[in-house]
Amino acid sequence: MAGPIADMLAVDEALSRVLSPLAPLQAQRLDLQDALGRVLAEAVQSTLDLPPFAQSAVDGYAIRHRDLAGDAPFTLPVADTIAAAAREAAPVLAPHTASRIFTGGWLPDAADTVVRQELTERSGDTVRIVQALDAGTDIRRQGEELKLGDTVAQAGSMITPGLLGAIAMAGVSSVSAWRKPRIAVLVTGDEVAPPGAPLAPGQIADANGPLLRAYLRQWGYADVQLQYLRDRFAAVRDALDAAFASCDVVITTGGVSVGDHDHVPKAALEAGASTRFWKVAQKPGMPLYVAARGGSTLFGLPGNPASVLVNLLVYVRPALARLEGRDPPAWALGRLATDVRCETAKTFWLRMRHEVDETGVNRLHPLPRQASHMLSNLARAAVLVRIPPAADGRCAQGSLVHWSGL
């Protein structure tokens, strides 16, 4: 045991070696409408006051508060109507009059209060105000949310739909954001057939390509190159060479163990890559191979689908986040609902069901069919759980462990 384990990196060391060389990709200027899901490379400042002018917060009547002399009710003539629409200049409110005004309407310069419609009775060209109210009621003051030049969002913020709307309201039409990584997926193996292809004797339907593309699309990477390769050294080498030249992240499945047809590590070296590490003390997913050429990183994932899933979530996803200028996704803490078997010298990754109990504690329930070639329990699994090694090969019920959503 000491020999093979000694040749493997611990999970945290492997992740550090993945992330430490990476930095955000180049910044791009994008139209705001194309920036959803991107990460800001520069802070965004408002180009105007918000609101840009004093406004009514309700449908009602704009007045001078000092015109409400004595006790309610009060009656004022209605001089004009102000809708929420473009105007050449601020409206004017004559003394001892009211202006009919609608939500968002430009408050007349002399007005200092809006009486909401529910507190009034309209009769022809006059309005009766049925109760007293404080000065300044129901007014949105110019710049009360943001002043010209105020920061709307800091660098490093992801542009969500809500933030995009806030940036647009601040009068900003383009932003500087980090470029999204270009990604290639190379599925190797004579034994795998692309989805929908007829299966020859000895072949299996490929799950890795669809699994990878689905997760990458879910994370916002829709434009992923996918290629199927035979177990031929020259084909693997040439495909890697082309992928290194055009992509920031290259993901391969299969071909990273020590068999006669496991060509990825040697082919990567011939294509000019430098190895960062090979093999991690984890199960599943031990023969993970990571290399780099120029600004491109290769993740050589084992061929078993569960190993692909583990390495994608644990190593590839944080790397993609780093390239986009984001922090890697955080892992949460939960407690095991039952005892589980663990490895004595490796990190064990288990797919589990997750629930929050009546006390608010995250409870993690192991599922069957955990072998590295199996994925069917993903129909029920919600989280991937990190089980640390233990000398007695057991992790007890109630143990506190880390988990990430699937």
Protein backbone atom coordinates (compact mmCIF):
# COMPACT_ATOMS: atom_id res chain seq x y z
CA MET A 1 0.00 0.00 0.00
CA ALA A 2 2.72 2.50 0.91
CA GLY A 3 4.30 2.43 -2.52
CA PRO A 4 1.24 3.15 -4.71
CA ILE A 5 -0.33 5.62 -2.26
CA ALA A 6 2.95 7.45 -1.87
CA ASP A 7 2.93 8.11 -5.61
CA MET A 8 -0.50 9.77 -5.44
CA LEU A 9 -1.38 13.33 -4.48
CA ALA A 10 -3.86 14.05 -1.72
CA VAL A 11 -7.06 15.67 -2.97
CA ASP A 12 -6.32 19.12 -1.55
CA GLU A 13 -2.78 19.14 -2.96
CA ALA A 14 -4.09 18.08 -6.37
CA LEU A 15 -6.69 20.85 -6.33
CA SER A 16 -4.05 23.39 -5.34
CA ARG A 17 -1.87 22.32 -8.25
CA VAL A 18 -4.84 22.71 -10.60
CA LEU A 19 -5.79 26.19 -9.42
CA SER A 20 -2.50 27.88 -8.49
CA PRO A 21 -1.29 28.45 -12.09
CA LEU A 22 -4.66 29.74 -13.29
CA ALA A 23 -5.71 33.37 -13.64
CA PRO A 24 -8.73 35.00 -15.27
CA LEU A 25 -8.71 35.06 -19.05
CA GLN A 26 -8.64 38.29 -21.07
CA ALA A 27 -11.25 40.95 -20.38
CA GLN A 28 -13.76 41.74 -23.12
CA ARG A 29 -16.05 44.68 -23.73
CA LEU A 30 -19.57 43.33 -24.09
CA ASP A 31 -22.95 44.82 -24.86
CA LEU A 32 -24.92 44.50 -21.66
CA GLN A 33 -27.52 42.29 -23.34
CA ASP A 34 -24.76 39.73 -24.09
CA ALA A 35 -23.22 39.77 -20.60
CA LEU A 36 -25.65 37.57 -18.65
CA GLY A 37 -23.71 35.01 -16.61
CA ARG A 38 -20.36 36.71 -17.13
CA VAL A 39 -18.08 38.04 -14.39
CA LEU A 40 -17.20 41.73 -14.29
CA ALA A 41 -13.53 42.53 -14.87
CA GLU A 42 -14.08 46.17 -13.85
CA ALA A 43 -16.45 47.92 -11.49
CA VAL A 44 -19.54 49.52 -13.03
CA GLN A 45 -20.44 53.13 -12.15
CA SER A 46 -23.79 54.77 -12.66
CA THR A 47 -23.93 57.29 -15.51
CA LEU A 48 -26.81 59.19 -13.91
CA ASP A 49 -28.69 59.84 -10.72
CA LEU A 50 -31.31 57.25 -9.74
CA PRO A 51 -34.01 58.40 -9.90
CA PRO A 52 -32.80 60.91 -12.50
CA PHE A 53 -35.43 63.43 -11.31
CA ALA A 54 -37.84 63.73 -8.40
CA GLN A 55 -40.80 61.43 -9.00
CA SER A 56 -44.13 60.47 -7.58
CA ALA A 57 -44.11 57.06 -5.87
CA VAL A 58 -47.87 56.58 -6.34
CA ASP A 59 -50.85 57.60 -8.39
CA GLY A 60 -52.29 60.73 -6.75
CA TYR A 61 -51.89 64.51 -6.59
CA ALA A 62 -48.74 66.62 -6.29
CA ILE A 63 -49.11 69.56 -3.92
CA ARG A 64 -47.27 72.11 -1.82
CA HIS A 65 -47.64 70.89 1.74
CA ARG A 66 -48.00 74.45 3.03
CA ASP A 67 -51.19 74.77 0.98
CA LEU A 68 -52.89 72.35 3.36
CA ALA A 69 -53.74 74.98 5.93
CA GLY A 70 -55.92 74.18 8.91
CA ASP A 71 -57.64 70.83 9.46
CA ALA A 72 -58.67 68.17 6.94
CA PRO A 73 -60.43 67.92 4.61
CA PHE A 74 -58.73 70.25 2.12
CA THR A 75 -59.93 71.22 -1.36
CA LEU A 76 -57.65 72.34 -4.19
CA PRO A 77 -58.20 73.00 -7.90
CA VAL A 78 -56.49 70.55 -10.26
CA ALA A 79 -54.29 72.50 -12.66
CA ASP A 80 -52.87 69.79 -14.94
CA THR A 81 -52.04 66.09 -15.36
CA ILE A 82 -48.52 64.61 -15.23
CA ALA A 83 -47.99 61.14 -16.67
CA ALA A 84 -44.84 59.02 -16.51
CA ALA A 85 -43.61 60.14 -19.91
CA ALA A 86 -40.84 62.17 -21.54
CA ARG A 87 -41.09 65.94 -21.10
CA GLU A 88 -38.95 68.80 -22.32
CA ALA A 89 -38.84 70.51 -18.94
CA ALA A 90 -39.98 70.06 -15.36
CA PRO A 91 -43.71 70.68 -14.90
CA VAL A 92 -44.86 73.78 -13.02
CA LEU A 93 -47.22 73.82 -10.04
CA ALA A 94 -49.00 77.09 -9.38
CA PRO A 95 -49.60 78.12 -5.75
CA HIS A 96 -52.72 76.69 -4.08
CA THR A 97 -53.30 74.11 -6.85
CA ALA A 98 -52.75 70.37 -7.28
CA SER A 99 -51.40 68.42 -10.24
CA ARG A 100 -52.84 65.02 -11.07
CA ILE A 101 -49.75 62.77 -11.18
CA PHE A 102 -49.10 59.11 -11.88
CA THR A 103 -46.46 56.74 -10.53
CA GLY A 104 -43.05 57.73 -11.94
CA GLY A 105 -44.28 61.12 -13.06
CA TRP A 106 -41.87 64.09 -12.90
CA LEU A 107 -42.62 65.99 -9.70
CA PRO A 108 -43.17 69.73 -10.28
CA ASP A 109 -40.34 71.88 -8.93
CA ALA A 110 -42.48 73.57 -6.32
CA ALA A 111 -44.24 70.39 -5.12
CA ASP A 112 -42.98 68.69 -1.98
CA THR A 113 -45.70 66.09 -1.27
CA VAL A 114 -47.86 63.59 -3.13
CA VAL A 115 -51.32 62.67 -1.84
CA ARG A 116 -52.12 59.14 -2.86
CA GLN A 117 -55.35 58.64 -4.76
CA GLU A 118 -56.93 56.62 -1.95
CA LEU A 119 -56.89 59.72 0.30
CA THR A 120 -58.74 61.91 -2.18
CA GLU A 121 -62.16 62.49 -3.71
CA ARG A 122 -62.25 64.00 -7.21
CA SER A 123 -65.08 66.20 -8.39
CA GLY A 124 -64.66 67.83 -11.79
CA ASP A 125 -61.64 70.13 -11.68
CA THR A 126 -61.16 69.98 -7.91
CA VAL A 127 -59.79 67.39 -5.55
CA ARG A 128 -60.79 66.91 -1.92
CA ILE A 129 -58.01 65.63 0.37
CA VAL A 130 -59.69 63.77 3.21
CA GLN A 131 -56.88 63.60 5.77
CA ALA A 132 -53.69 65.38 6.77
CA LEU A 133 -50.31 63.94 5.87
CA ASP A 134 -46.65 64.72 6.41
CA ALA A 135 -44.57 66.81 4.04
CA GLY A 136 -42.48 64.68 1.69
CA THR A 137 -44.93 61.79 1.63
CA ASP A 138 -44.74 59.42 -1.39
CA ILE A 139 -41.91 61.21 -3.17
CA ARG A 140 -38.89 59.54 -4.79
CA ARG A 141 -36.11 62.10 -4.48
CA GLN A 142 -33.53 62.55 -7.23
CA GLY A 143 -30.47 60.38 -6.58
CA GLU A 144 -31.89 58.72 -3.47
CA GLU A 145 -30.85 55.27 -4.76
CA LEU A 146 -27.65 56.16 -6.64
CA LYS A 147 -25.75 59.31 -7.47
CA LEU A 148 -23.91 59.89 -10.73
CA GLY A 149 -20.61 57.97 -10.44
CA ASP A 150 -21.72 55.67 -7.62
CA THR A 151 -20.62 52.03 -7.94
CA VAL A 152 -23.40 49.73 -9.10
CA ALA A 153 -21.35 46.51 -9.02
CA GLN A 154 -17.79 45.62 -8.06
CA ALA A 155 -15.30 43.73 -10.22
CA GLY A 156 -15.78 40.01 -9.65
CA SER A 157 -19.57 40.22 -9.56
CA MET A 158 -21.45 37.73 -11.70
CA ILE A 159 -24.06 39.36 -13.89
CA THR A 160 -27.36 37.85 -12.84
CA PRO A 161 -30.65 38.92 -14.43
CA GLY A 162 -31.24 41.23 -11.48
CA LEU A 163 -27.81 42.84 -11.67
CA LEU A 164 -28.15 43.23 -15.42
CA GLY A 165 -31.37 45.15 -14.86
CA ALA A 166 -29.73 47.34 -12.21
CA ILE A 167 -26.81 48.13 -14.54
CA ALA A 168 -29.20 48.99 -17.37
CA MET A 169 -31.21 51.29 -15.09
CA ALA A 170 -27.96 53.07 -14.21
CA GLY A 171 -27.63 54.04 -17.89
CA VAL A 172 -24.80 51.61 -18.69
CA SER A 173 -24.97 49.82 -22.04
CA SER A 174 -21.69 47.87 -22.06
CA VAL A 175 -19.42 46.25 -19.46
CA SER A 176 -15.93 44.77 -19.20
CA ALA A 177 -16.12 41.07 -18.33
CA TRP A 178 -13.73 38.14 -18.28
CA ARG A 179 -13.85 35.93 -21.33
CA LYS A 180 -15.52 32.55 -20.90
CA PRO A 181 -13.21 29.55 -21.34
CA ARG A 182 -13.22 27.73 -24.66
CA ILE A 183 -13.69 24.02 -23.93
CA ALA A 184 -13.02 20.83 -25.91
CA VAL A 185 -14.20 17.37 -24.84
CA LEU A 186 -12.46 14.34 -26.36
CA VAL A 187 -14.06 10.97 -25.65
CA THR A 188 -11.61 8.14 -26.27
CA GLY A 189 -12.19 4.41 -26.59
CA ASP A 190 -12.98 1.86 -29.26
CA GLU A 191 -15.61 0.44 -26.93
CA VAL A 192 -17.82 3.54 -26.72
CA ALA A 193 -20.41 4.52 -29.29
CA PRO A 194 -21.86 8.05 -29.58
CA PRO A 195 -25.49 8.48 -28.48
CA GLY A 196 -27.86 7.05 -31.07
CA ALA A 197 -25.20 5.06 -32.91
CA PRO A 198 -25.81 1.31 -33.29
CA LEU A 199 -23.78 -0.79 -30.87
CA ALA A 200 -21.33 -3.24 -32.37
CA PRO A 201 -20.56 -6.40 -30.38
CA GLY A 202 -18.47 -5.42 -27.36
CA GLN A 203 -19.45 -1.74 -27.48
CA ILE A 204 -21.31 0.35 -24.89
CA ALA A 205 -23.35 3.52 -25.28
CA ASP A 206 -21.31 6.54 -24.25
CA ALA A 207 -22.46 8.40 -21.14
CA ASN A 208 -19.40 10.59 -20.68
CA GLY A 209 -19.92 12.93 -23.61
CA PRO A 210 -23.58 13.66 -22.77
CA LEU A 211 -22.78 13.92 -19.05
CA LEU A 212 -19.99 16.44 -19.60
CA ARG A 213 -21.87 18.54 -22.12
CA ALA A 214 -24.97 18.62 -19.91
CA TYR A 215 -23.07 19.79 -16.84
CA LEU A 216 -21.07 22.32 -18.83
CA ARG A 217 -24.25 23.69 -20.41
CA GLN A 218 -25.88 23.91 -16.98
CA TRP A 219 -22.88 25.96 -15.79
CA GLY A 220 -23.17 28.33 -18.75
CA TYR A 221 -20.78 26.75 -21.29
CA ALA A 222 -23.03 25.95 -24.21
CA ASP A 223 -20.45 26.08 -27.01
CA VAL A 224 -18.38 22.97 -26.26
CA GLN A 225 -16.43 21.06 -28.90
CA LEU A 226 -17.10 17.29 -28.63
CA GLN A 227 -15.11 14.69 -30.53
CA TYR A 228 -14.98 10.87 -30.37
CA LEU A 229 -11.56 9.26 -30.83
CA ARG A 230 -10.46 5.72 -31.54
CA ASP A 231 -7.74 4.21 -29.38
CA ARG A 232 -4.99 5.17 -31.84
CA PHE A 233 -1.97 7.02 -30.52
CA ALA A 234 -1.60 9.33 -33.53
CA ALA A 235 -5.30 10.20 -33.48
CA VAL A 236 -5.20 11.09 -29.78
CA ARG A 237 -1.99 13.11 -30.17
CA ASP A 238 -3.29 15.08 -33.17
CA ALA A 239 -6.61 15.78 -31.50
CA LEU A 240 -4.88 17.02 -28.36
CA ASP A 241 -2.55 19.20 -30.43
CA ALA A 242 -5.51 20.85 -32.16
CA ALA A 243 -7.45 21.25 -28.92
CA PHE A 244 -4.49 22.86 -27.14
CA ALA A 245 -4.23 25.36 -29.99
CA SER A 246 -7.90 26.42 -29.89
CA CYS A 247 -9.16 25.92 -26.33
CA ASP A 248 -8.44 27.01 -22.78
CA VAL A 249 -9.63 23.76 -21.21
CA VAL A 250 -9.35 20.30 -22.76
CA ILE A 251 -11.21 17.41 -21.14
CA THR A 252 -10.57 13.84 -22.17
CA THR A 253 -12.30 10.69 -20.94
CA GLY A 254 -10.56 7.33 -20.87
CA GLY A 255 -7.01 6.48 -21.83
CA VAL A 256 -5.25 7.73 -18.67
CA SER A 257 -4.48 4.46 -16.87
CA VAL A 258 -1.56 2.13 -17.58
CA GLY A 259 -3.02 -0.16 -20.24
CA ASP A 260 -1.65 -0.63 -23.74
CA HIS A 261 -4.40 1.58 -25.17
CA ASP A 262 -4.17 4.36 -22.58
CA HIS A 263 -2.53 6.95 -24.82
CA VAL A 264 -3.50 10.31 -23.30
CA PRO A 265 -0.49 11.04 -21.03
CA LYS A 266 2.15 10.11 -23.61
CA ALA A 267 0.20 11.77 -26.46
CA ALA A 268 -0.11 14.97 -24.43
CA LEU A 269 3.67 15.06 -23.91
CA GLU A 270 4.28 14.54 -27.64
CA ALA A 271 1.84 17.37 -28.33
CA GLY A 272 4.04 19.67 -26.24
CA ALA A 273 2.27 19.58 -22.88
CA SER A 274 3.93 19.46 -19.46
CA THR A 275 2.54 17.15 -16.80
CA ARG A 276 1.33 18.76 -13.58
CA PHE A 277 0.38 15.53 -11.86
CA TRP A 278 -0.94 12.05 -12.51
CA LYS A 279 -2.99 10.06 -9.98
CA VAL A 280 -4.82 11.26 -6.90
CA ALA A 281 -5.47 9.35 -3.67
CA GLN A 282 -9.23 9.19 -4.21
CA LYS A 283 -11.93 6.72 -5.16
CA PRO A 284 -13.42 6.86 -7.72
CA GLY A 285 -11.29 8.86 -10.12
CA MET A 286 -7.77 7.90 -9.05
CA PRO A 287 -5.95 8.04 -12.44
CA LEU A 288 -6.62 11.76 -13.01
CA TYR A 289 -4.03 13.26 -15.36
CA VAL A 290 -3.51 17.04 -15.48
CA ALA A 291 -1.15 18.77 -17.89
CA ALA A 292 -0.76 22.15 -19.58
CA ARG A 293 0.47 23.65 -22.83
CA GLY A 294 0.70 27.40 -23.05
CA GLY A 295 -2.53 28.81 -21.64
CA SER A 296 -4.44 25.54 -22.07
CA THR A 297 -5.09 23.03 -19.28
CA LEU A 298 -5.75 19.34 -19.93
CA PHE A 299 -7.90 17.28 -17.59
CA GLY A 300 -7.42 13.63 -18.48
CA LEU A 301 -10.36 11.95 -16.75
CA PRO A 302 -10.72 8.19 -16.29
CA GLY A 303 -13.26 6.50 -18.51
CA ASN A 304 -15.72 5.26 -15.90
CA PRO A 305 -18.69 7.66 -15.73
CA ALA A 306 -18.69 8.08 -11.94
CA SER A 307 -14.99 8.96 -12.11
CA VAL A 308 -15.78 11.53 -14.78
CA LEU A 309 -18.50 13.03 -12.56
CA VAL A 310 -16.24 13.25 -9.50
CA ASN A 311 -13.30 14.85 -11.28
CA LEU A 312 -15.54 17.23 -13.17
CA LEU A 313 -17.10 18.56 -9.96
CA VAL A 314 -13.99 18.50 -7.77
CA TYR A 315 -11.32 19.81 -10.17
CA VAL A 316 -12.70 21.03 -13.50
CA ARG A 317 -15.51 23.20 -12.17
CA PRO A 318 -13.25 25.21 -9.79
CA ALA A 319 -10.74 25.67 -12.62
CA LEU A 320 -13.43 27.07 -14.92
CA ALA A 321 -14.53 29.43 -12.17
CA ARG A 322 -10.96 30.67 -11.69
CA LEU A 323 -10.58 31.32 -15.43
CA GLU A 324 -13.75 33.44 -15.33
CA GLY A 325 -12.62 35.46 -12.32
CA ARG A 326 -15.00 33.76 -9.89
CA ASP A 327 -14.32 32.03 -6.59
CA PRO A 328 -14.64 28.24 -6.81
CA PRO A 329 -18.01 26.95 -5.55
CA ALA A 330 -18.03 26.41 -1.80
CA TRP A 331 -18.71 23.01 -0.25
CA ALA A 332 -21.30 22.81 2.53
CA LEU A 333 -21.26 20.77 5.73
CA GLY A 334 -23.71 18.02 6.64
CA ARG A 335 -24.00 14.97 8.86
CA LEU A 336 -24.08 11.36 7.75
CA ALA A 337 -27.46 9.74 8.37
CA THR A 338 -25.86 6.28 8.67
CA ASP A 339 -22.45 4.66 9.02
CA VAL A 340 -20.54 4.39 5.74
CA ARG A 341 -17.52 2.44 4.68
CA CYS A 342 -14.51 4.55 3.79
CA GLU A 343 -10.98 4.07 2.50
CA THR A 344 -8.01 3.82 4.83
CA ALA A 345 -5.71 6.02 2.73
CA LYS A 346 -7.90 7.64 0.05
CA THR A 347 -10.67 10.18 -0.09
CA PHE A 348 -13.92 8.42 -0.91
CA TRP A 349 -16.56 10.22 -2.98
CA LEU A 350 -20.17 9.09 -2.55
CA ARG A 351 -23.36 10.14 -4.25
CA MET A 352 -26.08 10.68 -1.67
CA ARG A 353 -29.58 11.86 -1.01
CA HIS A 354 -29.86 15.10 0.96
CA GLU A 355 -32.51 16.38 3.33
CA VAL A 356 -32.81 19.04 6.00
CA ASP A 357 -34.25 17.65 9.24
CA GLU A 358 -36.63 19.39 11.65
CA THR A 359 -33.69 20.97 13.52
CA GLY A 360 -32.26 22.50 10.33
CA VAL A 361 -29.35 20.06 10.04
CA ASN A 362 -28.33 18.75 6.61
CA ARG A 363 -28.65 14.95 6.68
CA LEU A 364 -26.84 12.91 4.04
CA HIS A 365 -28.16 9.48 3.08
CA PRO A 366 -25.92 7.05 1.15
CA LEU A 367 -27.34 5.35 -1.93
CA PRO A 368 -26.63 1.97 -3.53
CA ARG A 369 -24.84 1.47 -6.88
CA GLN A 370 -21.74 3.53 -6.08
CA ALA A 371 -19.34 1.62 -8.37
CA SER A 372 -17.30 3.81 -10.74
CA HIS A 373 -19.05 2.44 -13.85
CA MET A 374 -22.52 3.19 -12.46
CA LEU A 375 -24.60 6.36 -12.79
CA SER A 376 -28.17 5.14 -12.29
CA ASN A 377 -28.35 6.40 -8.70
CA LEU A 378 -28.15 9.96 -10.06
CA ALA A 379 -31.92 9.67 -10.49
CA ARG A 380 -32.09 10.01 -6.68
CA ALA A 381 -28.76 11.53 -5.73
CA ALA A 382 -28.64 15.26 -5.03
CA VAL A 383 -25.15 15.71 -3.63
CA LEU A 384 -21.58 14.46 -3.89
CA VAL A 385 -20.10 13.81 -0.44
CA ARG A 386 -16.43 13.80 0.53
CA ILE A 387 -15.60 11.00 2.96
CA PRO A 388 -12.11 11.39 4.45
CA PRO A 389 -9.86 8.35 4.92
CA ALA A 390 -9.93 6.58 8.28
CA ALA A 391 -7.65 3.92 9.67
CA ASP A 392 -10.55 1.67 10.66
CA GLY A 393 -12.28 2.01 7.28
CA ARG A 394 -15.44 3.43 8.83
CA CYS A 395 -17.08 6.85 8.95
CA ALA A 396 -19.70 6.88 11.70
CA GLN A 397 -23.28 8.07 11.61
CA GLY A 398 -23.44 11.73 12.59
CA SER A 399 -19.95 12.50 11.28
CA LEU A 400 -19.60 16.00 9.85
CA VAL A 401 -18.59 15.85 6.17
CA HIS A 402 -18.41 18.18 3.15
CA TRP A 403 -20.87 18.00 0.25
CA SER A 404 -21.61 19.74 -3.01
CA GLY A 405 -24.80 19.74 -5.04
CA LEU A 406 -24.91 17.60 -8.16
